[in-house]
C-alpha atoms as a PDB file:
ATOM      1  CA  MET A   1       0.000   0.000   0.000  1.00  0.00           C
ATOM      2  CA  ASN A   2       3.030   2.300   0.096  1.00  0.00           C
ATOM      3  CA  ASN A   3       2.264   3.386  -3.488  1.00  0.00           C
ATOM      4  CA  LYS A   4      -0.785   5.329  -2.274  1.00  0.00           C
ATOM      5  CA  GLN A   5      -0.658   9.101  -2.127  1.00  0.00           C
ATOM      6  CA  LEU A   6       0.392  10.520   1.214  1.00  0.00           C
ATOM      7  CA  ILE A   7       0.142  14.258   1.920  1.00  0.00           C
ATOM      8  CA  LEU A   8       1.756  16.121   4.792  1.00  0.00           C
ATOM      9  CA  ALA A   9      -0.533  19.103   5.406  1.00  0.00           C
ATOM     10  CA  SER A  10       2.227  21.399   6.545  1.00  0.00           C
ATOM     11  CA  GLY A  11       4.734  23.938   5.339  1.00  0.00           C
ATOM     12  CA  SER A  12       7.094  23.097   8.207  1.00  0.00           C
ATOM     13  CA  SER A  13      10.558  21.972   7.176  1.00  0.00           C
ATOM     14  CA  TYR A  14      10.871  20.301  10.601  1.00  0.00           C
ATOM     15  CA  ARG A  15       7.824  18.101   9.982  1.00  0.00           C
ATOM     16  CA  ARG A  16       8.938  17.351   6.429  1.00  0.00           C
ATOM     17  CA  ASP A  17      12.385  16.250   7.653  1.00  0.00           C
ATOM     18  CA  LEU A  18      10.831  14.075  10.362  1.00  0.00           C
ATOM     19  CA  LEU A  19       8.428  12.359   7.966  1.00  0.00           C
ATOM     20  CA  GLN A  20      11.315  11.592   5.606  1.00  0.00           C
ATOM     21  CA  ARG A  21      12.747   9.342   8.337  1.00  0.00           C
ATOM     22  CA  LEU A  22       9.962   6.822   7.647  1.00  0.00           C
ATOM     23  CA  GLY A  23      11.134   6.303   4.072  1.00  0.00           C
ATOM     24  CA  LEU A  24       7.694   6.828   2.555  1.00  0.00           C
ATOM     25  CA  SER A  25       6.952   8.809  -0.577  1.00  0.00           C
ATOM     26  CA  PHE A  26       4.870  11.892   0.243  1.00  0.00           C
ATOM     27  CA  ASP A  27       4.033  15.384  -0.910  1.00  0.00           C
ATOM     28  CA  CYS A  28       3.645  18.526   1.169  1.00  0.00           C
ATOM     29  CA  TRP A  29       0.872  21.049   0.929  1.00  0.00           C
ATOM     30  CA  ALA A  30       0.543  23.931   3.382  1.00  0.00           C
ATOM     31  CA  PRO A  31      -3.104  24.713   4.105  1.00  0.00           C
ATOM     32  CA  ASP A  32      -4.112  28.253   4.935  1.00  0.00           C
ATOM     33  CA  VAL A  33      -5.390  27.687   8.470  1.00  0.00           C
ATOM     34  CA  ASP A  34      -5.776  30.476  11.028  1.00  0.00           C
ATOM     35  CA  GLU A  35      -3.699  29.265  13.972  1.00  0.00           C
ATOM     36  CA  THR A  36      -5.190  31.698  16.476  1.00  0.00           C
ATOM     37  CA  ALA A  37      -6.446  30.033  19.641  1.00  0.00           C
ATOM     38  CA  ALA A  38     -10.176  30.326  20.288  1.00  0.00           C
ATOM     39  CA  PRO A  39     -11.185  32.362  23.361  1.00  0.00           C
ATOM     40  CA  ARG A  40     -10.523  30.410  26.579  1.00  0.00           C
ATOM     41  CA  GLU A  41      -9.345  27.403  24.552  1.00  0.00           C
ATOM     42  CA  ALA A  42      -6.847  25.193  26.386  1.00  0.00           C
ATOM     43  CA  PRO A  43      -3.492  24.762  24.590  1.00  0.00           C
ATOM     44  CA  ARG A  44      -4.076  21.003  24.227  1.00  0.00           C
ATOM     45  CA  ALA A  45      -7.427  21.675  22.586  1.00  0.00           C
ATOM     46  CA  THR A  46      -5.909  24.278  20.277  1.00  0.00           C
ATOM     47  CA  ALA A  47      -3.253  21.840  19.054  1.00  0.00           C
ATOM     48  CA  THR A  48      -5.864  19.125  18.451  1.00  0.00           C
ATOM     49  CA  ARG A  49      -8.271  21.463  16.643  1.00  0.00           C
ATOM     50  CA  LEU A  50      -5.549  22.867  14.394  1.00  0.00           C
ATOM     51  CA  ALA A  51      -4.127  19.451  13.466  1.00  0.00           C
ATOM     52  CA  ARG A  52      -7.614  18.367  12.416  1.00  0.00           C
ATOM     53  CA  ALA A  53      -8.282  21.637  10.545  1.00  0.00           C
ATOM     54  CA  LYS A  54      -5.064  21.192   8.549  1.00  0.00           C
ATOM     55  CA  ALA A  55      -5.929  17.586   7.695  1.00  0.00           C
ATOM     56  CA  GLU A  56      -9.489  18.525   6.707  1.00  0.00           C
ATOM     57  CA  ALA A  57      -8.294  21.369   4.458  1.00  0.00           C
ATOM     58  CA  ALA A  58      -5.838  19.078   2.684  1.00  0.00           C
ATOM     59  CA  ALA A  59      -8.462  16.314   2.354  1.00  0.00           C
ATOM     60  CA  VAL A  60     -10.657  18.668   0.314  1.00  0.00           C
ATOM     61  CA  ARG A  61      -7.790  19.314  -2.095  1.00  0.00           C
ATOM     62  CA  TYR A  62      -6.554  15.682  -2.160  1.00  0.00           C
ATOM     63  CA  PRO A  63      -9.640  13.490  -1.642  1.00  0.00           C
ATOM     64  CA  GLN A  64      -7.883  10.246  -2.688  1.00  0.00           C
ATOM     65  CA  ALA A  65      -4.900  10.685  -0.380  1.00  0.00           C
ATOM     66  CA  TRP A  66      -4.008   9.820   3.180  1.00  0.00           C
ATOM     67  CA  ILE A  67      -3.527  13.155   4.928  1.00  0.00           C
ATOM     68  CA  ILE A  68      -1.277  13.963   7.887  1.00  0.00           C
ATOM     69  CA  GLY A  69      -2.035  17.093   9.894  1.00  0.00           C
ATOM     70  CA  SER A  70      -0.085  18.154  12.959  1.00  0.00           C
ATOM     71  CA  ASP A  71       0.198  21.135  15.248  1.00  0.00           C
ATOM     72  CA  GLN A  72       2.066  21.983  18.421  1.00  0.00           C
ATOM     73  CA  VAL A  73       1.249  24.398  21.220  1.00  0.00           C
ATOM     74  CA  ALA A  74       3.517  25.030  24.182  1.00  0.00           C
ATOM     75  CA  GLU A  75       1.933  25.725  27.553  1.00  0.00           C
ATOM     76  CA  ASP A  76       3.112  27.414  30.717  1.00  0.00           C
ATOM     77  CA  GLY A  77       0.547  26.942  33.471  1.00  0.00           C
ATOM     78  CA  GLY A  78      -2.382  27.030  31.057  1.00  0.00           C
ATOM     79  CA  ARG A  79      -1.007  29.973  29.086  1.00  0.00           C
ATOM     80  CA  PRO A  80      -0.079  29.220  25.458  1.00  0.00           C
ATOM     81  CA  ILE A  81       3.418  30.049  24.267  1.00  0.00           C
ATOM     82  CA  GLY A  82       3.717  30.739  20.564  1.00  0.00           C
ATOM     83  CA  LYS A  83       6.501  31.250  18.076  1.00  0.00           C
ATOM     84  CA  PRO A  84       8.465  34.355  19.045  1.00  0.00           C
ATOM     85  CA  GLY A  85       8.947  35.879  15.582  1.00  0.00           C
ATOM     86  CA  THR A  86      11.568  38.374  16.823  1.00  0.00           C
ATOM     87  CA  VAL A  87      14.784  38.082  18.816  1.00  0.00           C
ATOM     88  CA  GLU A  88      13.388  40.312  21.553  1.00  0.00           C
ATOM     89  CA  ALA A  89      10.259  38.159  21.886  1.00  0.00           C
ATOM     90  CA  ALA A  90      12.461  35.036  21.996  1.00  0.00           C
ATOM     91  CA  ARG A  91      14.576  36.637  24.712  1.00  0.00           C
ATOM     92  CA  GLN A  92      11.448  37.398  26.762  1.00  0.00           C
ATOM     93  CA  GLN A  93      10.109  33.855  26.277  1.00  0.00           C
ATOM     94  CA  LEU A  94      13.342  32.267  27.448  1.00  0.00           C
ATOM     95  CA  ARG A  95      13.601  34.600  30.443  1.00  0.00           C
ATOM     96  CA  SER A  96      10.061  33.719  31.492  1.00  0.00           C
ATOM     97  CA  MET A  97      10.710  29.972  31.119  1.00  0.00           C
ATOM     98  CA  ARG A  98      14.048  29.716  32.931  1.00  0.00           C
ATOM     99  CA  GLY A  99      13.880  27.320  35.845  1.00  0.00           C
ATOM    100  CA  ARG A 100      10.331  26.295  34.886  1.00  0.00           C
ATOM    101  CA  VAL A 101       8.618  23.223  33.463  1.00  0.00           C
ATOM    102  CA  ILE A 102       6.854  23.832  30.150  1.00  0.00           C
ATOM    103  CA  HIS A 103       4.497  21.384  28.421  1.00  0.00           C
ATOM    104  CA  PHE A 104       4.607  20.973  24.650  1.00  0.00           C
ATOM    105  CA  HIS A 105       1.422  19.440  23.209  1.00  0.00           C
ATOM    106  CA  THR A 106       1.791  17.958  19.728  1.00  0.00           C
ATOM    107  CA  ALA A 107      -1.401  16.855  18.031  1.00  0.00           C
ATOM    108  CA  LEU A 108      -1.599  14.463  15.109  1.00  0.00           C
ATOM    109  CA  CYS A 109      -4.532  13.878  12.778  1.00  0.00           C
ATOM    110  CA  VAL A 110      -4.485  11.318   9.961  1.00  0.00           C
ATOM    111  CA  ALA A 111      -7.440  11.218   7.576  1.00  0.00           C
ATOM    112  CA  THR A 112      -7.949   8.363   5.140  1.00  0.00           C
ATOM    113  CA  PRO A 113      -9.130   8.912   1.549  1.00  0.00           C
ATOM    114  CA  GLY A 114     -12.565  10.453   1.439  1.00  0.00           C
ATOM    115  CA  GLY A 115     -12.405  11.065   5.196  1.00  0.00           C
ATOM    116  CA  LYS A 116     -13.766   7.568   5.910  1.00  0.00           C
ATOM    117  CA  ARG A 117     -11.612   7.298   9.019  1.00  0.00           C
ATOM    118  CA  VAL A 118      -9.848   9.902  11.106  1.00  0.00           C
ATOM    119  CA  HIS A 119      -7.152   8.982  13.619  1.00  0.00           C
ATOM    120  CA  GLU A 120      -6.140  11.512  16.265  1.00  0.00           C
ATOM    121  CA  GLU A 121      -3.398  11.451  18.884  1.00  0.00           C
ATOM    122  CA  LEU A 122      -2.059  14.016  21.313  1.00  0.00           C
ATOM    123  CA  VAL A 123       1.485  13.550  22.565  1.00  0.00           C
ATOM    124  CA  SER A 124       2.707  15.808  25.351  1.00  0.00           C
ATOM    125  CA  THR A 125       6.306  16.407  26.394  1.00  0.00           C
ATOM    126  CA  GLU A 126       7.355  17.938  29.677  1.00  0.00           C
ATOM    127  CA  VAL A 127      10.413  20.160  29.300  1.00  0.00           C
ATOM    128  CA  ALA A 128      12.337  21.473  32.304  1.00  0.00           C
ATOM    129  CA  PHE A 129      14.428  24.528  31.487  1.00  0.00           C
ATOM    130  CA  ARG A 130      17.633  25.221  33.386  1.00  0.00           C
ATOM    131  CA  VAL A 131      17.958  28.434  35.346  1.00  0.00           C
ATOM    132  CA  LEU A 132      19.448  30.476  32.519  1.00  0.00           C
ATOM    133  CA  SER A 133      21.430  33.670  32.888  1.00  0.00           C
ATOM    134  CA  ASP A 134      20.713  36.594  30.593  1.00  0.00           C
ATOM    135  CA  GLN A 135      24.166  36.046  29.065  1.00  0.00           C
ATOM    136  CA  GLU A 136      23.383  32.390  28.261  1.00  0.00           C
ATOM    137  CA  ILE A 137      20.113  33.400  26.634  1.00  0.00           C
ATOM    138  CA  ASP A 138      21.830  36.087  24.556  1.00  0.00           C
ATOM    139  CA  ARG A 139      24.627  33.710  23.453  1.00  0.00           C
ATOM    140  CA  TYR A 140      22.068  31.096  22.462  1.00  0.00           C
ATOM    141  CA  LEU A 141      19.996  33.581  20.458  1.00  0.00           C
ATOM    142  CA  GLU A 142      23.120  34.816  18.641  1.00  0.00           C
ATOM    143  CA  LYS A 143      23.902  31.261  17.520  1.00  0.00           C
ATOM    144  CA  GLU A 144      20.382  29.863  16.996  1.00  0.00           C
ATOM    145  CA  PRO A 145      17.592  32.461  17.047  1.00  0.00           C
ATOM    146  CA  ALA A 146      14.802  29.813  16.899  1.00  0.00           C
ATOM    147  CA  LEU A 147      12.252  32.452  15.928  1.00  0.00           C
ATOM    148  CA  ASP A 148      10.014  29.901  14.202  1.00  0.00           C
ATOM    149  CA  CYS A 149       9.541  27.429  17.034  1.00  0.00           C
ATOM    150  CA  ALA A 150       7.258  27.625  20.046  1.00  0.00           C
ATOM    151  CA  GLY A 151       9.228  28.389  23.176  1.00  0.00           C
ATOM    152  CA  SER A 152      12.315  29.554  21.259  1.00  0.00           C
ATOM    153  CA  ALA A 153      14.370  26.429  22.077  1.00  0.00           C
ATOM    154  CA  LYS A 154      15.108  23.867  19.367  1.00  0.00           C
ATOM    155  CA  SER A 155      15.776  20.624  21.204  1.00  0.00           C
ATOM    156  CA  GLU A 156      17.141  19.110  17.986  1.00  0.00           C
ATOM    157  CA  GLY A 157      19.813  21.831  17.910  1.00  0.00           C
ATOM    158  CA  LEU A 158      21.664  24.027  20.374  1.00  0.00           C
ATOM    159  CA  GLY A 159      18.459  24.522  22.375  1.00  0.00           C
ATOM    160  CA  ILE A 160      19.084  21.161  24.056  1.00  0.00           C
ATOM    161  CA  ALA A 161      21.783  22.928  26.111  1.00  0.00           C
ATOM    162  CA  LEU A 162      19.095  25.144  27.666  1.00  0.00           C
ATOM    163  CA  LEU A 163      17.264  22.185  29.149  1.00  0.00           C
ATOM    164  CA  GLN A 164      17.577  20.272  32.388  1.00  0.00           C
ATOM    165  CA  ARG A 165      15.421  17.311  31.379  1.00  0.00           C
ATOM    166  CA  LEU A 166      12.753  16.052  28.990  1.00  0.00           C
ATOM    167  CA  SER A 167       9.942  13.648  29.744  1.00  0.00           C
ATOM    168  CA  GLY A 168       7.636  12.196  27.127  1.00  0.00           C
ATOM    169  CA  ASP A 169       6.711   9.147  25.086  1.00  0.00           C
ATOM    170  CA  ASP A 170       8.172  10.279  21.758  1.00  0.00           C
ATOM    171  CA  PRO A 171      11.215  12.546  21.260  1.00  0.00           C
ATOM    172  CA  THR A 172      10.061  13.460  17.742  1.00  0.00           C
ATOM    173  CA  ALA A 173       6.854  14.951  19.139  1.00  0.00           C
ATOM    174  CA  LEU A 174       8.849  17.786  20.659  1.00  0.00           C
ATOM    175  CA  ILE A 175      10.285  18.605  17.223  1.00  0.00           C
ATOM    176  CA  GLY A 176       6.775  18.738  15.747  1.00  0.00           C
ATOM    177  CA  LEU A 177       5.584  15.351  14.434  1.00  0.00           C
ATOM    178  CA  PRO A 178       5.147  12.318  16.732  1.00  0.00           C
ATOM    179  CA  LEU A 179       6.585   9.549  14.546  1.00  0.00           C
ATOM    180  CA  ILE A 180       5.863   6.707  16.976  1.00  0.00           C
ATOM    181  CA  ALA A 181       2.133   7.477  16.965  1.00  0.00           C
ATOM    182  CA  LEU A 182       2.163   8.231  13.239  1.00  0.00           C
ATOM    183  CA  SER A 183       3.912   4.943  12.434  1.00  0.00           C
ATOM    184  CA  ALA A 184       1.307   3.003  14.412  1.00  0.00           C
ATOM    185  CA  ILE A 185      -1.543   4.741  12.574  1.00  0.00           C
ATOM    186  CA  LEU A 186       0.009   4.216   9.145  1.00  0.00           C
ATOM    187  CA  ARG A 187       0.692   0.519   9.891  1.00  0.00           C
ATOM    188  CA  ALA A 188      -2.961   0.145  10.909  1.00  0.00           C
ATOM    189  CA  GLU A 189      -3.877   1.656   7.523  1.00  0.00           C
ATOM    190  CA  GLY A 190      -1.756  -0.912   5.673  1.00  0.00           C
ATOM    191  CA  PHE A 191       1.462   1.029   5.118  1.00  0.00           C
ATOM    192  CA  GLU A 192       4.594  -1.097   5.392  1.00  0.00           C
ATOM    193  CA  LEU A 193       6.791   0.295   8.168  1.00  0.00           C
ATOM    194  CA  PRO A 194       9.573  -0.628   8.101  1.00  0.00           C
END
């Protein structure tokens, strides 16, 4: 069944690189989905809703394909943490997170052709940040600005040095696409992995 069309509903290079690890042929299409959280929406719910919205948008465009949608929202005590966008915003994020435990919720939604079945998973990772000095934060941001990732710390890069510990079921979830859960879903749909 690996000759069937598989679409990653994302413009993220991180998710694309992760999906390539599975050795499957796939195409990427970035849906135009408003990623704004709904009023009083919990970060976990936002991630789940957005992953599904991305998969649904791609399913309309590619009705004969298996669609993978994913989204991640970081949370600090119920407050969502987004992508910083600027160095100053990244600096403020990292200052506010130093010495704290932050939860990263990564949602996955896989829709089968025609939307006959939809599989959803939510994988959360607990990330404990070290107590960082302002100088450490500034040095990190000079070397790896991480302006396009929630929480400003890329665990797959230099950001790992900012952390004290990680706790979760799937290390790829923290990067943006939970491959353990995705592999299980795709195997259940008849894809040969490995």
